[in-house]
Amino acid sequence: MQKATIQLETLTCPSCGQKIENATKSLNGVEKESVKVLFNSSKVKFDFDAEKISVEDVEKTITALGYVVIKSQVKAK
């Protein structure tokens, strides 16, 4: 497993964070219990299995919801 943080443009409401959290949790390869959307800092943090999914796949899911990804950071766990 690896850890990732995705920085988004400013989230405008808590329901936006919930929408992103639900979509990220639904992805195969993302550890569902690890997903956290930090509303105040507009970040999404999660653990993932790099053999099943990439950070770019998660970014595409978030972008498809209408949000803008600024940058991503991945760390080995």
PDB file of N, CA and C in Angstrom:
ATOM      1  N   MET A   1       0.831  -1.192   0.000  1.00  0.00           N
ATOM      2  CA  MET A   1       0.000   0.000   0.000  1.00  0.00           C
ATOM      3  C   MET A   1       0.872   1.251   0.000  1.00  0.00           C
ATOM      4  N   GLN A   2       0.357   2.267  -0.657  1.00  0.00           N
ATOM      5  CA  GLN A   2       1.007   3.573  -0.672  1.00  0.00           C
ATOM      6  C   GLN A   2       0.017   4.606  -0.167  1.00  0.00           C
ATOM      7  N   LYS A   3       0.548   5.733   0.287  1.00  0.00           N
ATOM      8  CA  LYS A   3      -0.289   6.850   0.738  1.00  0.00           C
ATOM      9  C   LYS A   3      -0.257   7.933  -0.326  1.00  0.00           C
ATOM     10  N   ALA A   4      -1.392   8.604  -0.510  1.00  0.00           N
ATOM     11  CA  ALA A   4      -1.444   9.702  -1.471  1.00  0.00           C
ATOM     12  C   ALA A   4      -2.220  10.872  -0.884  1.00  0.00           C
ATOM     13  N   THR A   5      -1.840  12.056  -1.325  1.00  0.00           N
ATOM     14  CA  THR A   5      -2.566  13.279  -0.999  1.00  0.00           C
ATOM     15  C   THR A   5      -2.797  14.017  -2.304  1.00  0.00           C
ATOM     16  N   ILE A   6      -4.033  14.392  -2.537  1.00  0.00           N
ATOM     17  CA  ILE A   6      -4.383  15.165  -3.723  1.00  0.00           C
ATOM     18  C   ILE A   6      -4.869  16.534  -3.256  1.00  0.00           C
ATOM     19  N   GLN A   7      -4.216  17.582  -3.750  1.00  0.00           N
ATOM     20  CA  GLN A   7      -4.601  18.966  -3.441  1.00  0.00           C
ATOM     21  C   GLN A   7      -5.588  19.434  -4.494  1.00  0.00           C
ATOM     22  N   LEU A   8      -6.732  19.926  -4.046  1.00  0.00           N
ATOM     23  CA  LEU A   8      -7.764  20.429  -4.944  1.00  0.00           C
ATOM     24  C   LEU A   8      -7.855  21.939  -4.848  1.00  0.00           C
ATOM     25  N   GLU A   9      -8.524  22.526  -5.851  1.00  0.00           N
ATOM     26  CA  GLU A   9      -8.897  23.934  -5.700  1.00  0.00           C
ATOM     27  C   GLU A   9      -9.877  23.989  -4.539  1.00  0.00           C
ATOM     28  N   THR A  10     -10.163  25.136  -4.039  1.00  0.00           N
ATOM     29  CA  THR A  10     -11.005  25.306  -2.869  1.00  0.00           C
ATOM     30  C   THR A  10     -12.339  24.575  -3.001  1.00  0.00           C
ATOM     31  N   LEU A  11     -12.662  23.777  -1.976  1.00  0.00           N
ATOM     32  CA  LEU A  11     -13.975  23.141  -1.911  1.00  0.00           C
ATOM     33  C   LEU A  11     -14.956  24.174  -1.371  1.00  0.00           C
ATOM     34  N   THR A  12     -16.130  24.239  -1.953  1.00  0.00           N
ATOM     35  CA  THR A  12     -17.072  25.291  -1.576  1.00  0.00           C
ATOM     36  C   THR A  12     -18.102  24.872  -0.538  1.00  0.00           C
ATOM     37  N   CYS A  13     -18.274  23.564  -0.329  1.00  0.00           N
ATOM     38  CA  CYS A  13     -19.271  23.133   0.648  1.00  0.00           C
ATOM     39  C   CYS A  13     -18.963  21.720   1.149  1.00  0.00           C
ATOM     40  N   PRO A  14     -19.439  21.378   2.337  1.00  0.00           N
ATOM     41  CA  PRO A  14     -19.196  20.036   2.877  1.00  0.00           C
ATOM     42  C   PRO A  14     -19.775  18.918   2.000  1.00  0.00           C
ATOM     43  N   SER A  15     -20.865  19.186   1.312  1.00  0.00           N
ATOM     44  CA  SER A  15     -21.438  18.140   0.458  1.00  0.00           C
ATOM     45  C   SER A  15     -20.516  17.818  -0.721  1.00  0.00           C
ATOM     46  N   CYS A  16     -19.708  18.790  -1.148  1.00  0.00           N
ATOM     47  CA  CYS A  16     -18.715  18.534  -2.187  1.00  0.00           C
ATOM     48  C   CYS A  16     -17.685  17.530  -1.670  1.00  0.00           C
ATOM     49  N   GLY A  17     -17.239  17.727  -0.456  1.00  0.00           N
ATOM     50  CA  GLY A  17     -16.289  16.815   0.155  1.00  0.00           C
ATOM     51  C   GLY A  17     -16.866  15.420   0.286  1.00  0.00           C
ATOM     52  N   GLN A  18     -18.130  15.318   0.646  1.00  0.00           N
ATOM     53  CA  GLN A  18     -18.783  14.021   0.783  1.00  0.00           C
ATOM     54  C   GLN A  18     -18.891  13.321  -0.567  1.00  0.00           C
ATOM     55  N   LYS A  19     -19.186  14.082  -1.606  1.00  0.00           N
ATOM     56  CA  LYS A  19     -19.280  13.508  -2.952  1.00  0.00           C
ATOM     57  C   LYS A  19     -17.928  12.931  -3.391  1.00  0.00           C
ATOM     58  N   ILE A  20     -16.853  13.674  -3.132  1.00  0.00           N
ATOM     59  CA  ILE A  20     -15.508  13.217  -3.483  1.00  0.00           C
ATOM     60  C   ILE A  20     -15.136  11.987  -2.659  1.00  0.00           C
ATOM     61  N   GLU A  21     -15.454  12.021  -1.373  1.00  0.00           N
ATOM     62  CA  GLU A  21     -15.146  10.891  -0.496  1.00  0.00           C
ATOM     63  C   GLU A  21     -15.856   9.621  -0.960  1.00  0.00           C
ATOM     64  N   ASN A  22     -17.129   9.722  -1.260  1.00  0.00           N
ATOM     65  CA  ASN A  22     -17.893   8.554  -1.710  1.00  0.00           C
ATOM     66  C   ASN A  22     -17.351   7.992  -3.024  1.00  0.00           C
ATOM     67  N   ALA A  23     -17.016   8.862  -3.958  1.00  0.00           N
ATOM     68  CA  ALA A  23     -16.499   8.414  -5.251  1.00  0.00           C
ATOM     69  C   ALA A  23     -15.135   7.740  -5.090  1.00  0.00           C
ATOM     70  N   THR A  24     -14.287   8.301  -4.239  1.00  0.00           N
ATOM     71  CA  THR A  24     -12.957   7.734  -4.021  1.00  0.00           C
ATOM     72  C   THR A  24     -13.057   6.380  -3.328  1.00  0.00           C
ATOM     73  N   LYS A  25     -13.926   6.270  -2.344  1.00  0.00           N
ATOM     74  CA  LYS A  25     -14.115   5.004  -1.629  1.00  0.00           C
ATOM     75  C   LYS A  25     -14.624   3.897  -2.540  1.00  0.00           C
ATOM     76  N   SER A  26     -15.330   4.251  -3.592  1.00  0.00           N
ATOM     77  CA  SER A  26     -15.925   3.241  -4.482  1.00  0.00           C
ATOM     78  C   SER A  26     -14.915   2.634  -5.458  1.00  0.00           C
ATOM     79  N   LEU A  27     -13.716   3.188  -5.532  1.00  0.00           N
ATOM     80  CA  LEU A  27     -12.719   2.723  -6.493  1.00  0.00           C
ATOM     81  C   LEU A  27     -12.004   1.468  -6.001  1.00  0.00           C
ATOM     82  N   ASN A  28     -11.888   0.484  -6.884  1.00  0.00           N
ATOM     83  CA  ASN A  28     -11.172  -0.744  -6.566  1.00  0.00           C
ATOM     84  C   ASN A  28      -9.688  -0.442  -6.432  1.00  0.00           C
ATOM     85  N   GLY A  29      -9.112  -0.807  -5.301  1.00  0.00           N
ATOM     86  CA  GLY A  29      -7.700  -0.554  -5.059  1.00  0.00           C
ATOM     87  C   GLY A  29      -7.459   0.542  -4.040  1.00  0.00           C
ATOM     88  N   VAL A  30      -8.507   1.301  -3.709  1.00  0.00           N
ATOM     89  CA  VAL A  30      -8.408   2.327  -2.669  1.00  0.00           C
ATOM     90  C   VAL A  30      -8.888   1.715  -1.362  1.00  0.00           C
ATOM     91  N   GLU A  31      -8.093   1.859  -0.300  1.00  0.00           N
ATOM     92  CA  GLU A  31      -8.497   1.361   1.015  1.00  0.00           C
ATOM     93  C   GLU A  31      -9.580   2.297   1.562  1.00  0.00           C
ATOM     94  N   LYS A  32     -10.812   1.799   1.567  1.00  0.00           N
ATOM     95  CA  LYS A  32     -11.975   2.630   1.883  1.00  0.00           C
ATOM     96  C   LYS A  32     -11.890   3.339   3.236  1.00  0.00           C
ATOM     97  N   GLU A  33     -11.370   2.626   4.250  1.00  0.00           N
ATOM     98  CA  GLU A  33     -11.300   3.207   5.596  1.00  0.00           C
ATOM     99  C   GLU A  33     -10.290   4.342   5.689  1.00  0.00           C
ATOM    100  N   SER A  34      -9.386   4.415   4.731  1.00  0.00           N
ATOM    101  CA  SER A  34      -8.323   5.427   4.792  1.00  0.00           C
ATOM    102  C   SER A  34      -8.706   6.758   4.158  1.00  0.00           C
ATOM    103  N   VAL A  35      -9.797   6.792   3.410  1.00  0.00           N
ATOM    104  CA  VAL A  35     -10.155   8.001   2.653  1.00  0.00           C
ATOM    105  C   VAL A  35     -10.625   9.110   3.602  1.00  0.00           C
ATOM    106  N   LYS A  36      -9.955  10.266   3.478  1.00  0.00           N
ATOM    107  CA  LYS A  36     -10.336  11.438   4.273  1.00  0.00           C
ATOM    108  C   LYS A  36     -10.302  12.664   3.370  1.00  0.00           C
ATOM    109  N   VAL A  37     -11.383  13.411   3.366  1.00  0.00           N
ATOM    110  CA  VAL A  37     -11.415  14.687   2.657  1.00  0.00           C
ATOM    111  C   VAL A  37     -11.295  15.771   3.715  1.00  0.00           C
ATOM    112  N   LEU A  38     -10.227  16.539   3.622  1.00  0.00           N
ATOM    113  CA  LEU A  38      -9.985  17.624   4.566  1.00  0.00           C
ATOM    114  C   LEU A  38     -10.552  18.910   3.956  1.00  0.00           C
ATOM    115  N   PHE A  39     -11.758  19.234   4.356  1.00  0.00           N
ATOM    116  CA  PHE A  39     -12.508  20.334   3.758  1.00  0.00           C
ATOM    117  C   PHE A  39     -11.768  21.666   3.877  1.00  0.00           C
ATOM    118  N   ASN A  40     -11.236  21.970   5.062  1.00  0.00           N
ATOM    119  CA  ASN A  40     -10.594  23.274   5.287  1.00  0.00           C
ATOM    120  C   ASN A  40      -9.342  23.484   4.447  1.00  0.00           C
ATOM    121  N   SER A  41      -8.613  22.399   4.151  1.00  0.00           N
ATOM    122  CA  SER A  41      -7.387  22.533   3.365  1.00  0.00           C
ATOM    123  C   SER A  41      -7.555  22.041   1.922  1.00  0.00           C
ATOM    124  N   SER A  42      -8.750  21.596   1.573  1.00  0.00           N
ATOM    125  CA  SER A  42      -9.076  21.118   0.217  1.00  0.00           C
ATOM    126  C   SER A  42      -8.146  19.992  -0.232  1.00  0.00           C
ATOM    127  N   LYS A  43      -7.948  19.012   0.661  1.00  0.00           N
ATOM    128  CA  LYS A  43      -7.100  17.868   0.345  1.00  0.00           C
ATOM    129  C   LYS A  43      -7.872  16.568   0.477  1.00  0.00           C
ATOM    130  N   VAL A  44      -7.475  15.599  -0.334  1.00  0.00           N
ATOM    131  CA  VAL A  44      -8.013  14.245  -0.238  1.00  0.00           C
ATOM    132  C   VAL A  44      -6.829  13.346   0.089  1.00  0.00           C
ATOM    133  N   LYS A  45      -6.931  12.591   1.185  1.00  0.00           N
ATOM    134  CA  LYS A  45      -5.873  11.664   1.584  1.00  0.00           C
ATOM    135  C   LYS A  45      -6.435  10.249   1.557  1.00  0.00           C
ATOM    136  N   PHE A  46      -5.613   9.310   1.086  1.00  0.00           N
ATOM    137  CA  PHE A  46      -6.056   7.917   1.014  1.00  0.00           C
ATOM    138  C   PHE A  46      -4.864   6.995   0.833  1.00  0.00           C
ATOM    139  N   ASP A  47      -5.079   5.721   1.154  1.00  0.00           N
ATOM    140  CA  ASP A  47      -4.100   4.668   0.896  1.00  0.00           C
ATOM    141  C   ASP A  47      -4.602   3.864  -0.294  1.00  0.00           C
ATOM    142  N   PHE A  48      -3.668   3.359  -1.107  1.00  0.00           N
ATOM    143  CA  PHE A  48      -4.081   2.621  -2.290  1.00  0.00           C
ATOM    144  C   PHE A  48      -3.076   1.542  -2.652  1.00  0.00           C
ATOM    145  N   ASP A  49      -3.555   0.556  -3.395  1.00  0.00           N
ATOM    146  CA  ASP A  49      -2.729  -0.535  -3.897  1.00  0.00           C
ATOM    147  C   ASP A  49      -2.321  -0.173  -5.322  1.00  0.00           C
ATOM    148  N   ALA A  50      -1.041   0.146  -5.510  1.00  0.00           N
ATOM    149  CA  ALA A  50      -0.542   0.614  -6.806  1.00  0.00           C
ATOM    150  C   ALA A  50      -0.636  -0.452  -7.901  1.00  0.00           C
ATOM    151  N   GLU A  51      -0.831  -1.697  -7.508  1.00  0.00           N
ATOM    152  CA  GLU A  51      -0.996  -2.757  -8.509  1.00  0.00           C
ATOM    153  C   GLU A  51      -2.421  -2.796  -9.059  1.00  0.00           C
ATOM    154  N   LYS A  52      -3.352  -2.146  -8.359  1.00  0.00           N
ATOM    155  CA  LYS A  52      -4.755  -2.155  -8.776  1.00  0.00           C
ATOM    156  C   LYS A  52      -5.226  -0.813  -9.335  1.00  0.00           C
ATOM    157  N   ILE A  53      -4.642   0.283  -8.841  1.00  0.00           N
ATOM    158  CA  ILE A  53      -5.109   1.615  -9.242  1.00  0.00           C
ATOM    159  C   ILE A  53      -3.953   2.612  -9.123  1.00  0.00           C
ATOM    160  N   SER A  54      -4.005   3.647  -9.931  1.00  0.00           N
ATOM    161  CA  SER A  54      -2.991   4.701  -9.860  1.00  0.00           C
ATOM    162  C   SER A  54      -3.610   5.981  -9.299  1.00  0.00           C
ATOM    163  N   VAL A  55      -2.755   6.879  -8.855  1.00  0.00           N
ATOM    164  CA  VAL A  55      -3.242   8.174  -8.379  1.00  0.00           C
ATOM    165  C   VAL A  55      -3.922   8.916  -9.525  1.00  0.00           C
ATOM    166  N   GLU A  56      -3.400   8.728 -10.743  1.00  0.00           N
ATOM    167  CA  GLU A  56      -4.009   9.379 -11.903  1.00  0.00           C
ATOM    168  C   GLU A  56      -5.457   8.915 -12.103  1.00  0.00           C
ATOM    169  N   ASP A  57      -5.728   7.640 -11.819  1.00  0.00           N
ATOM    170  CA  ASP A  57      -7.108   7.137 -11.920  1.00  0.00           C
ATOM    171  C   ASP A  57      -8.021   7.837 -10.911  1.00  0.00           C
ATOM    172  N   VAL A  58      -7.506   8.042  -9.703  1.00  0.00           N
ATOM    173  CA  VAL A  58      -8.287   8.740  -8.674  1.00  0.00           C
ATOM    174  C   VAL A  58      -8.497  10.194  -9.084  1.00  0.00           C
ATOM    175  N   GLU A  59      -7.446  10.819  -9.613  1.00  0.00           N
ATOM    176  CA  GLU A  59      -7.570  12.198 -10.097  1.00  0.00           C
ATOM    177  C   GLU A  59      -8.646  12.310 -11.170  1.00  0.00           C
ATOM    178  N   LYS A  60      -8.661  11.364 -12.108  1.00  0.00           N
ATOM    179  CA  LYS A  60      -9.657  11.384 -13.190  1.00  0.00           C
ATOM    180  C   LYS A  60     -11.072  11.271 -12.628  1.00  0.00           C
ATOM    181  N   THR A  61     -11.238  10.446 -11.601  1.00  0.00           N
ATOM    182  CA  THR A  61     -12.552  10.300 -10.970  1.00  0.00           C
ATOM    183  C   THR A  61     -12.996  11.611 -10.343  1.00  0.00           C
ATOM    184  N   ILE A  62     -12.084  12.269  -9.647  1.00  0.00           N
ATOM    185  CA  ILE A  62     -12.408  13.549  -9.002  1.00  0.00           C
ATOM    186  C   ILE A  62     -12.676  14.624 -10.047  1.00  0.00           C
ATOM    187  N   THR A  63     -11.869  14.655 -11.108  1.00  0.00           N
ATOM    188  CA  THR A  63     -12.058  15.627 -12.187  1.00  0.00           C
ATOM    189  C   THR A  63     -13.404  15.411 -12.882  1.00  0.00           C
ATOM    190  N   ALA A  64     -13.795  14.156 -13.051  1.00  0.00           N
ATOM    191  CA  ALA A  64     -15.080  13.850 -13.695  1.00  0.00           C
ATOM    192  C   ALA A  64     -16.259  14.370 -12.872  1.00  0.00           C
ATOM    193  N   LEU A  65     -16.058  14.545 -11.573  1.00  0.00           N
ATOM    194  CA  LEU A  65     -17.103  15.112 -10.713  1.00  0.00           C
ATOM    195  C   LEU A  65     -17.185  16.633 -10.842  1.00  0.00           C
ATOM    196  N   GLY A  66     -16.186  17.226 -11.518  1.00  0.00           N
ATOM    197  CA  GLY A  66     -16.206  18.672 -11.736  1.00  0.00           C
ATOM    198  C   GLY A  66     -15.236  19.462 -10.876  1.00  0.00           C
ATOM    199  N   TYR A  67     -14.309  18.774 -10.205  1.00  0.00           N
ATOM    200  CA  TYR A  67     -13.344  19.451  -9.341  1.00  0.00           C
ATOM    201  C   TYR A  67     -11.977  19.509 -10.016  1.00  0.00           C
ATOM    202  N   VAL A  68     -11.178  20.490  -9.620  1.00  0.00           N
ATOM    203  CA  VAL A  68      -9.879  20.703 -10.253  1.00  0.00           C
ATOM    204  C   VAL A  68      -8.771  20.229  -9.313  1.00  0.00           C
ATOM    205  N   VAL A  69      -7.929  19.333  -9.820  1.00  0.00           N
ATOM    206  CA  VAL A  69      -6.770  18.838  -9.079  1.00  0.00           C
ATOM    207  C   VAL A  69      -5.601  19.783  -9.331  1.00  0.00           C
ATOM    208  N   ILE A  70      -4.968  20.239  -8.253  1.00  0.00           N
ATOM    209  CA  ILE A  70      -3.813  21.123  -8.383  1.00  0.00           C
ATOM    210  C   ILE A  70      -2.528  20.300  -8.433  1.00  0.00           C
ATOM    211  N   LYS A  71      -2.358  19.374  -7.480  1.00  0.00           N
ATOM    212  CA  LYS A  71      -1.168  18.524  -7.483  1.00  0.00           C
ATOM    213  C   LYS A  71      -1.428  17.289  -6.624  1.00  0.00           C
ATOM    214  N   SER A  72      -0.579  16.285  -6.815  1.00  0.00           N
ATOM    215  CA  SER A  72      -0.669  15.053  -6.048  1.00  0.00           C
ATOM    216  C   SER A  72       0.686  14.715  -5.469  1.00  0.00           C
ATOM    217  N   GLN A  73       0.644  13.994  -4.363  1.00  0.00           N
ATOM    218  CA  GLN A  73       1.875  13.545  -3.737  1.00  0.00           C
ATOM    219  C   GLN A  73       1.659  12.102  -3.269  1.00  0.00           C
ATOM    220  N   VAL A  74       2.611  11.226  -3.588  1.00  0.00           N
ATOM    221  CA  VAL A  74       2.531   9.819  -3.217  1.00  0.00           C
ATOM    222  C   VAL A  74       3.731   9.479  -2.344  1.00  0.00           C
ATOM    223  N   LYS A  75       3.468   8.719  -1.281  1.00  0.00           N
ATOM    224  CA  LYS A  75       4.533   8.258  -0.399  1.00  0.00           C
ATOM    225  C   LYS A  75       4.385   6.760  -0.204  1.00  0.00           C
ATOM    226  N   ALA A  76       5.500   6.071  -0.150  1.00  0.00           N
ATOM    227  CA  ALA A  76       5.465   4.644   0.168  1.00  0.00           C
ATOM    228  C   ALA A  76       5.058   4.486   1.625  1.00  0.00           C
ATOM    229  N   LYS A  77       4.265   3.492   1.899  1.00  0.00           N
ATOM    230  CA  LYS A  77       3.761   3.281   3.262  1.00  0.00           C
ATOM    231  C   LYS A  77       4.698   2.413   4.051  1.00  0.00           C
TER     232      LYS A  77
END
